[in-house]
Amino acid sequence: MYESVTRGIRVSVSPRFLEDQSDPEEPRYVWAYTVRINNESDTPVRLRTRYWRITDSRGQTDIVAGDGVVGEQPMIRPGEGFEYTSGAPLATPSGLMVGAYGMEADGGETFDVDIPAFSLDSPHEMRQVH
C-alpha cells in the first residue's frame, strides 16, 4: 500500500495486476487500483477533480484529468472516508502512476491533495540483476 497525507487528507492506494484482463501478445497489461481517502482534518471536503500522470516503462506518459472519481464528487466529513476502485491499462508490463485530487473545503477554499506515486508491476516484466 502507498500513502500520502496533505492537509489532513490521507490518500492510500493499493494496486493489483489483472492477469485475466491482460494479454501480453497484444500487448495489453491491466491493473486495478483501490483508493481510500480519509479525512483526518476538522473540515469537511468535497473531491471535485482528479489528475493522473501514468507513465509506462518506455517513458510514454498519459495524462488523465476530469471531474470527480468514478462519476462522483463525494463529500468527505471529518473522521470519514471514501473508497473506490478503478483501472489502468498499459502497453508495457510495468509503469508508474502519480497524481492529485482537487478538493474544496466547506467554506469554498480549493486545494490539491497529493496522490502518492505507486508502481504498476506485472509478472511479465523481465528483470535483470547484475
N, C-alpha and C. Protein backbone atom coordinates (compact mmCIF):
# COMPACT_ATOMS: atom_id res chain seq x y z
N MET A 1 0.84 -1.17 0.00
CA MET A 1 0.00 0.00 0.00
C MET A 1 0.89 1.24 0.00
N TYR A 2 0.43 2.25 -0.70
CA TYR A 2 1.14 3.53 -0.81
C TYR A 2 0.27 4.60 -0.15
N GLU A 3 0.89 5.52 0.61
CA GLU A 3 0.12 6.54 1.31
C GLU A 3 0.79 7.90 1.26
N SER A 4 -0.04 8.94 1.29
CA SER A 4 0.44 10.30 1.48
C SER A 4 -0.63 11.07 2.24
N VAL A 5 -0.22 12.14 2.92
CA VAL A 5 -1.15 12.98 3.67
C VAL A 5 -0.89 14.44 3.29
N THR A 6 -1.95 15.13 2.90
CA THR A 6 -1.89 16.56 2.58
C THR A 6 -2.99 17.25 3.36
N ARG A 7 -2.63 18.19 4.21
CA ARG A 7 -3.61 18.98 4.98
C ARG A 7 -4.64 18.11 5.70
N GLY A 8 -4.18 17.00 6.23
CA GLY A 8 -5.07 16.13 6.99
C GLY A 8 -5.91 15.19 6.15
N ILE A 9 -5.67 15.15 4.85
CA ILE A 9 -6.39 14.23 3.97
C ILE A 9 -5.42 13.10 3.60
N ARG A 10 -5.70 11.89 4.08
CA ARG A 10 -4.85 10.74 3.83
C ARG A 10 -5.35 9.98 2.59
N VAL A 11 -4.45 9.77 1.64
CA VAL A 11 -4.77 9.02 0.42
C VAL A 11 -3.94 7.74 0.44
N SER A 12 -4.62 6.60 0.41
CA SER A 12 -3.96 5.29 0.38
C SER A 12 -4.34 4.59 -0.91
N VAL A 13 -3.35 4.01 -1.59
CA VAL A 13 -3.58 3.33 -2.86
C VAL A 13 -3.02 1.92 -2.81
N SER A 14 -3.82 0.98 -3.30
CA SER A 14 -3.39 -0.42 -3.36
C SER A 14 -3.64 -0.94 -4.78
N PRO A 15 -2.57 -1.07 -5.60
CA PRO A 15 -2.74 -1.58 -6.97
C PRO A 15 -2.64 -3.10 -7.02
N ARG A 16 -3.26 -3.69 -8.05
CA ARG A 16 -3.12 -5.13 -8.27
C ARG A 16 -3.23 -5.41 -9.77
N PHE A 17 -2.40 -6.32 -10.23
CA PHE A 17 -2.36 -6.70 -11.63
C PHE A 17 -3.54 -7.61 -11.95
N LEU A 18 -4.19 -7.37 -13.09
CA LEU A 18 -5.34 -8.19 -13.51
C LEU A 18 -4.92 -9.10 -14.66
N GLU A 19 -4.46 -10.27 -14.32
CA GLU A 19 -3.98 -11.24 -15.31
C GLU A 19 -5.08 -11.60 -16.31
N ASP A 20 -6.31 -11.77 -15.81
CA ASP A 20 -7.41 -12.21 -16.68
C ASP A 20 -7.83 -11.16 -17.71
N GLN A 21 -7.48 -9.88 -17.50
CA GLN A 21 -7.82 -8.84 -18.47
C GLN A 21 -6.62 -8.40 -19.31
N SER A 22 -5.48 -9.00 -19.02
CA SER A 22 -4.25 -8.65 -19.71
C SER A 22 -3.93 -9.66 -20.81
N ASP A 23 -3.23 -9.19 -21.83
CA ASP A 23 -2.81 -10.06 -22.94
C ASP A 23 -1.45 -9.60 -23.45
N PRO A 24 -0.37 -10.24 -22.99
CA PRO A 24 0.97 -9.83 -23.39
C PRO A 24 1.20 -9.88 -24.92
N GLU A 25 0.42 -10.66 -25.64
CA GLU A 25 0.56 -10.74 -27.09
C GLU A 25 0.08 -9.46 -27.77
N GLU A 26 -0.80 -8.71 -27.13
CA GLU A 26 -1.40 -7.51 -27.76
C GLU A 26 -0.43 -6.35 -27.98
N PRO A 27 0.36 -5.82 -27.18
CA PRO A 27 0.50 -6.04 -25.73
C PRO A 27 -0.48 -5.16 -24.94
N ARG A 28 -1.10 -5.76 -23.94
CA ARG A 28 -2.05 -5.06 -23.07
C ARG A 28 -1.91 -5.63 -21.67
N TYR A 29 -1.60 -4.74 -20.72
CA TYR A 29 -1.44 -5.11 -19.32
C TYR A 29 -2.38 -4.21 -18.52
N VAL A 30 -3.18 -4.82 -17.64
CA VAL A 30 -4.23 -4.06 -16.95
C VAL A 30 -4.08 -4.22 -15.43
N TRP A 31 -4.24 -3.09 -14.74
CA TRP A 31 -4.21 -3.06 -13.29
C TRP A 31 -5.50 -2.45 -12.77
N ALA A 32 -5.91 -2.91 -11.61
CA ALA A 32 -6.95 -2.23 -10.83
C ALA A 32 -6.22 -1.57 -9.67
N TYR A 33 -6.76 -0.46 -9.21
CA TYR A 33 -6.20 0.17 -8.02
C TYR A 33 -7.36 0.65 -7.16
N THR A 34 -7.23 0.42 -5.88
CA THR A 34 -8.23 0.85 -4.92
C THR A 34 -7.66 2.03 -4.14
N VAL A 35 -8.44 3.10 -4.10
CA VAL A 35 -8.03 4.31 -3.40
C VAL A 35 -8.94 4.52 -2.20
N ARG A 36 -8.35 4.80 -1.07
CA ARG A 36 -9.08 5.14 0.14
C ARG A 36 -8.66 6.56 0.53
N ILE A 37 -9.64 7.46 0.68
CA ILE A 37 -9.39 8.84 1.06
C ILE A 37 -10.02 9.05 2.44
N ASN A 38 -9.20 9.31 3.44
CA ASN A 38 -9.68 9.54 4.80
C ASN A 38 -9.47 11.00 5.17
N ASN A 39 -10.53 11.59 5.71
CA ASN A 39 -10.45 12.97 6.15
C ASN A 39 -10.08 12.99 7.63
N GLU A 40 -8.80 13.28 7.91
CA GLU A 40 -8.31 13.36 9.28
C GLU A 40 -8.23 14.81 9.75
N SER A 41 -8.79 15.72 8.95
CA SER A 41 -8.81 17.14 9.32
C SER A 41 -10.10 17.44 10.09
N ASP A 42 -10.31 18.70 10.43
CA ASP A 42 -11.54 19.07 11.14
C ASP A 42 -12.52 19.81 10.23
N THR A 43 -12.29 19.73 8.91
CA THR A 43 -13.13 20.43 7.94
C THR A 43 -13.67 19.46 6.90
N PRO A 44 -14.97 19.50 6.60
CA PRO A 44 -15.50 18.68 5.51
C PRO A 44 -14.88 19.13 4.18
N VAL A 45 -14.62 18.17 3.30
CA VAL A 45 -14.07 18.48 1.97
C VAL A 45 -14.85 17.71 0.91
N ARG A 46 -14.92 18.32 -0.28
CA ARG A 46 -15.54 17.64 -1.42
C ARG A 46 -14.46 17.42 -2.48
N LEU A 47 -14.39 16.19 -2.97
CA LEU A 47 -13.46 15.88 -4.04
C LEU A 47 -14.07 16.37 -5.35
N ARG A 48 -13.46 17.38 -5.95
CA ARG A 48 -14.01 17.99 -7.17
C ARG A 48 -13.37 17.46 -8.45
N THR A 49 -12.03 17.30 -8.45
CA THR A 49 -11.34 16.91 -9.69
C THR A 49 -10.27 15.87 -9.40
N ARG A 50 -9.82 15.23 -10.48
CA ARG A 50 -8.71 14.29 -10.39
C ARG A 50 -7.72 14.61 -11.51
N TYR A 51 -6.45 14.31 -11.23
CA TYR A 51 -5.38 14.48 -12.20
C TYR A 51 -4.42 13.31 -12.01
N TRP A 52 -4.22 12.54 -13.07
CA TRP A 52 -3.30 11.40 -13.03
C TRP A 52 -2.24 11.56 -14.10
N ARG A 53 -1.00 11.22 -13.76
CA ARG A 53 0.07 11.08 -14.75
C ARG A 53 0.48 9.62 -14.72
N ILE A 54 0.25 8.93 -15.84
CA ILE A 54 0.51 7.50 -15.95
C ILE A 54 1.67 7.31 -16.93
N THR A 55 2.75 6.69 -16.47
CA THR A 55 3.95 6.53 -17.28
C THR A 55 4.28 5.05 -17.41
N ASP A 56 4.45 4.58 -18.65
CA ASP A 56 4.81 3.18 -18.84
C ASP A 56 6.32 3.01 -18.78
N SER A 57 6.80 1.77 -18.88
CA SER A 57 8.23 1.50 -18.70
C SER A 57 9.09 2.02 -19.85
N ARG A 58 8.48 2.46 -20.94
CA ARG A 58 9.24 3.09 -22.03
C ARG A 58 9.28 4.61 -21.90
N GLY A 59 8.62 5.14 -20.86
CA GLY A 59 8.60 6.58 -20.64
C GLY A 59 7.44 7.30 -21.30
N GLN A 60 6.55 6.55 -21.96
CA GLN A 60 5.35 7.15 -22.57
C GLN A 60 4.41 7.58 -21.44
N THR A 61 3.99 8.84 -21.47
CA THR A 61 3.15 9.38 -20.40
C THR A 61 1.79 9.79 -20.93
N ASP A 62 0.77 9.41 -20.19
CA ASP A 62 -0.61 9.84 -20.46
C ASP A 62 -1.10 10.63 -19.27
N ILE A 63 -1.87 11.67 -19.56
CA ILE A 63 -2.50 12.48 -18.52
C ILE A 63 -4.00 12.21 -18.56
N VAL A 64 -4.56 11.92 -17.39
CA VAL A 64 -6.00 11.73 -17.26
C VAL A 64 -6.48 12.75 -16.23
N ALA A 65 -7.39 13.62 -16.65
CA ALA A 65 -7.90 14.65 -15.75
C ALA A 65 -9.39 14.83 -15.99
N GLY A 66 -10.10 15.23 -14.95
CA GLY A 66 -11.52 15.46 -15.11
C GLY A 66 -12.20 15.69 -13.78
N ASP A 67 -13.52 15.75 -13.84
CA ASP A 67 -14.32 15.97 -12.65
C ASP A 67 -14.49 14.68 -11.86
N GLY A 68 -14.35 14.77 -10.54
CA GLY A 68 -14.65 13.67 -9.64
C GLY A 68 -13.90 12.39 -9.91
N VAL A 69 -14.40 11.32 -9.31
CA VAL A 69 -13.86 9.98 -9.49
C VAL A 69 -15.04 9.01 -9.63
N VAL A 70 -14.92 8.07 -10.51
CA VAL A 70 -15.96 7.07 -10.79
C VAL A 70 -17.37 7.69 -10.81
N GLY A 71 -17.47 8.85 -11.45
CA GLY A 71 -18.77 9.51 -11.60
C GLY A 71 -19.29 10.23 -10.37
N GLU A 72 -18.46 10.38 -9.36
CA GLU A 72 -18.90 11.01 -8.12
C GLU A 72 -17.98 12.17 -7.73
N GLN A 73 -18.54 13.09 -6.97
CA GLN A 73 -17.79 14.16 -6.31
C GLN A 73 -18.15 14.10 -4.83
N PRO A 74 -17.56 13.11 -4.13
CA PRO A 74 -18.02 12.84 -2.76
C PRO A 74 -17.64 13.93 -1.76
N MET A 75 -18.55 14.17 -0.82
CA MET A 75 -18.28 14.99 0.36
C MET A 75 -17.72 14.04 1.42
N ILE A 76 -16.56 14.40 1.97
CA ILE A 76 -15.92 13.56 2.98
C ILE A 76 -15.80 14.38 4.27
N ARG A 77 -16.59 14.00 5.25
CA ARG A 77 -16.63 14.73 6.51
C ARG A 77 -15.48 14.31 7.42
N PRO A 78 -15.13 15.14 8.39
CA PRO A 78 -14.06 14.78 9.33
C PRO A 78 -14.31 13.41 9.96
N GLY A 79 -13.27 12.59 9.99
CA GLY A 79 -13.39 11.25 10.56
C GLY A 79 -13.98 10.22 9.62
N GLU A 80 -14.39 10.64 8.42
CA GLU A 80 -14.98 9.70 7.45
C GLU A 80 -14.03 9.46 6.30
N GLY A 81 -14.40 8.51 5.46
CA GLY A 81 -13.59 8.19 4.30
C GLY A 81 -14.43 7.85 3.10
N PHE A 82 -13.77 7.76 1.98
CA PHE A 82 -14.40 7.37 0.71
C PHE A 82 -13.44 6.43 0.01
N GLU A 83 -13.98 5.36 -0.55
CA GLU A 83 -13.15 4.37 -1.23
C GLU A 83 -13.74 4.05 -2.58
N TYR A 84 -12.86 3.87 -3.57
CA TYR A 84 -13.31 3.46 -4.89
C TYR A 84 -12.22 2.64 -5.57
N THR A 85 -12.61 1.90 -6.59
CA THR A 85 -11.68 1.11 -7.39
C THR A 85 -11.82 1.51 -8.84
N SER A 86 -10.69 1.66 -9.50
CA SER A 86 -10.67 1.98 -10.93
C SER A 86 -9.57 1.16 -11.57
N GLY A 87 -9.28 1.43 -12.84
CA GLY A 87 -8.28 0.63 -13.52
C GLY A 87 -7.44 1.43 -14.48
N ALA A 88 -6.33 0.82 -14.90
CA ALA A 88 -5.43 1.45 -15.86
C ALA A 88 -4.79 0.40 -16.74
N PRO A 89 -4.90 0.56 -18.07
CA PRO A 89 -4.20 -0.34 -18.98
C PRO A 89 -2.89 0.30 -19.47
N LEU A 90 -1.90 -0.52 -19.72
CA LEU A 90 -0.64 -0.07 -20.30
C LEU A 90 -0.25 -1.01 -21.43
N ALA A 91 0.62 -0.53 -22.31
CA ALA A 91 1.16 -1.36 -23.39
C ALA A 91 2.47 -2.02 -22.97
N THR A 92 2.93 -1.74 -21.75
CA THR A 92 4.16 -2.36 -21.24
C THR A 92 3.84 -3.08 -19.93
N PRO A 93 4.69 -4.03 -19.52
CA PRO A 93 4.38 -4.83 -18.34
C PRO A 93 4.62 -4.14 -17.00
N SER A 94 5.01 -2.87 -17.03
CA SER A 94 5.15 -2.13 -15.77
C SER A 94 5.00 -0.64 -16.05
N GLY A 95 4.80 0.11 -14.97
CA GLY A 95 4.65 1.55 -15.10
C GLY A 95 4.54 2.20 -13.75
N LEU A 96 4.14 3.47 -13.78
CA LEU A 96 4.05 4.28 -12.57
C LEU A 96 2.88 5.23 -12.70
N MET A 97 2.16 5.43 -11.61
CA MET A 97 1.08 6.41 -11.56
C MET A 97 1.30 7.36 -10.40
N VAL A 98 0.94 8.62 -10.60
CA VAL A 98 1.00 9.63 -9.56
C VAL A 98 -0.03 10.70 -9.91
N GLY A 99 -0.49 11.45 -8.93
CA GLY A 99 -1.49 12.46 -9.27
C GLY A 99 -1.89 13.34 -8.12
N ALA A 100 -3.07 13.95 -8.28
CA ALA A 100 -3.60 14.86 -7.26
C ALA A 100 -5.12 14.92 -7.39
N TYR A 101 -5.77 15.16 -6.27
CA TYR A 101 -7.20 15.43 -6.25
C TYR A 101 -7.39 16.90 -5.95
N GLY A 102 -8.30 17.54 -6.67
CA GLY A 102 -8.69 18.92 -6.37
C GLY A 102 -9.81 18.87 -5.36
N MET A 103 -9.58 19.41 -4.18
CA MET A 103 -10.56 19.40 -3.10
C MET A 103 -11.13 20.79 -2.89
N GLU A 104 -12.35 20.83 -2.39
CA GLU A 104 -12.98 22.08 -1.99
C GLU A 104 -13.40 21.95 -0.54
N ALA A 105 -12.88 22.85 0.30
CA ALA A 105 -13.24 22.85 1.72
C ALA A 105 -14.65 23.40 1.88
N ASP A 106 -15.21 23.16 3.04
CA ASP A 106 -16.59 23.56 3.33
C ASP A 106 -16.85 25.04 3.06
N GLY A 107 -15.85 25.90 3.29
CA GLY A 107 -16.02 27.33 3.08
C GLY A 107 -15.75 27.79 1.65
N GLY A 108 -15.44 26.87 0.75
CA GLY A 108 -15.21 27.22 -0.65
C GLY A 108 -13.76 27.28 -1.07
N GLU A 109 -12.82 27.22 -0.12
CA GLU A 109 -11.40 27.22 -0.46
C GLU A 109 -11.06 25.93 -1.23
N THR A 110 -10.26 26.07 -2.28
CA THR A 110 -9.83 24.89 -3.03
C THR A 110 -8.35 24.64 -2.80
N PHE A 111 -7.97 23.37 -2.82
CA PHE A 111 -6.57 22.98 -2.64
C PHE A 111 -6.37 21.59 -3.24
N ASP A 112 -5.11 21.28 -3.56
CA ASP A 112 -4.77 19.97 -4.12
C ASP A 112 -4.28 19.04 -3.03
N VAL A 113 -4.65 17.77 -3.17
CA VAL A 113 -4.20 16.70 -2.27
C VAL A 113 -3.38 15.73 -3.12
N ASP A 114 -2.17 15.44 -2.66
CA ASP A 114 -1.29 14.53 -3.40
C ASP A 114 -1.81 13.10 -3.38
N ILE A 115 -1.72 12.45 -4.55
CA ILE A 115 -1.91 11.01 -4.64
C ILE A 115 -0.50 10.43 -4.71
N PRO A 116 -0.14 9.52 -3.81
CA PRO A 116 1.25 9.04 -3.81
C PRO A 116 1.59 8.30 -5.10
N ALA A 117 2.84 8.42 -5.52
CA ALA A 117 3.31 7.65 -6.68
C ALA A 117 3.26 6.17 -6.30
N PHE A 118 2.77 5.35 -7.24
CA PHE A 118 2.76 3.91 -6.99
C PHE A 118 3.12 3.17 -8.27
N SER A 119 3.75 2.01 -8.08
CA SER A 119 4.22 1.25 -9.23
C SER A 119 3.18 0.24 -9.68
N LEU A 120 3.17 0.04 -10.98
CA LEU A 120 2.33 -0.97 -11.62
C LEU A 120 3.28 -2.05 -12.11
N ASP A 121 3.31 -3.16 -11.42
CA ASP A 121 4.23 -4.23 -11.75
C ASP A 121 3.45 -5.49 -12.10
N SER A 122 3.88 -6.16 -13.14
CA SER A 122 3.25 -7.42 -13.53
C SER A 122 4.27 -8.54 -13.49
N PRO A 123 3.80 -9.79 -13.47
CA PRO A 123 4.74 -10.92 -13.51
C PRO A 123 5.39 -11.08 -14.88
N HIS A 124 4.99 -10.27 -15.86
CA HIS A 124 5.55 -10.36 -17.21
C HIS A 124 6.78 -9.49 -17.40
N GLU A 125 7.13 -8.70 -16.40
CA GLU A 125 8.29 -7.82 -16.51
C GLU A 125 9.56 -8.65 -16.44
N MET A 126 10.44 -8.42 -17.40
CA MET A 126 11.74 -9.09 -17.41
C MET A 126 12.69 -8.27 -16.55
N ARG A 127 13.23 -8.86 -15.52
CA ARG A 127 14.16 -8.15 -14.64
C ARG A 127 15.51 -8.82 -14.70
N GLN A 128 16.54 -7.99 -14.68
CA GLN A 128 17.90 -8.50 -14.67
C GLN A 128 18.61 -7.99 -13.43
N VAL A 129 19.34 -8.86 -12.82
CA VAL A 129 20.12 -8.48 -11.65
C VAL A 129 21.60 -8.62 -12.04
N HIS A 130 22.36 -7.56 -11.89
CA HIS A 130 23.77 -7.57 -12.27
C HIS A 130 24.64 -7.78 -11.06
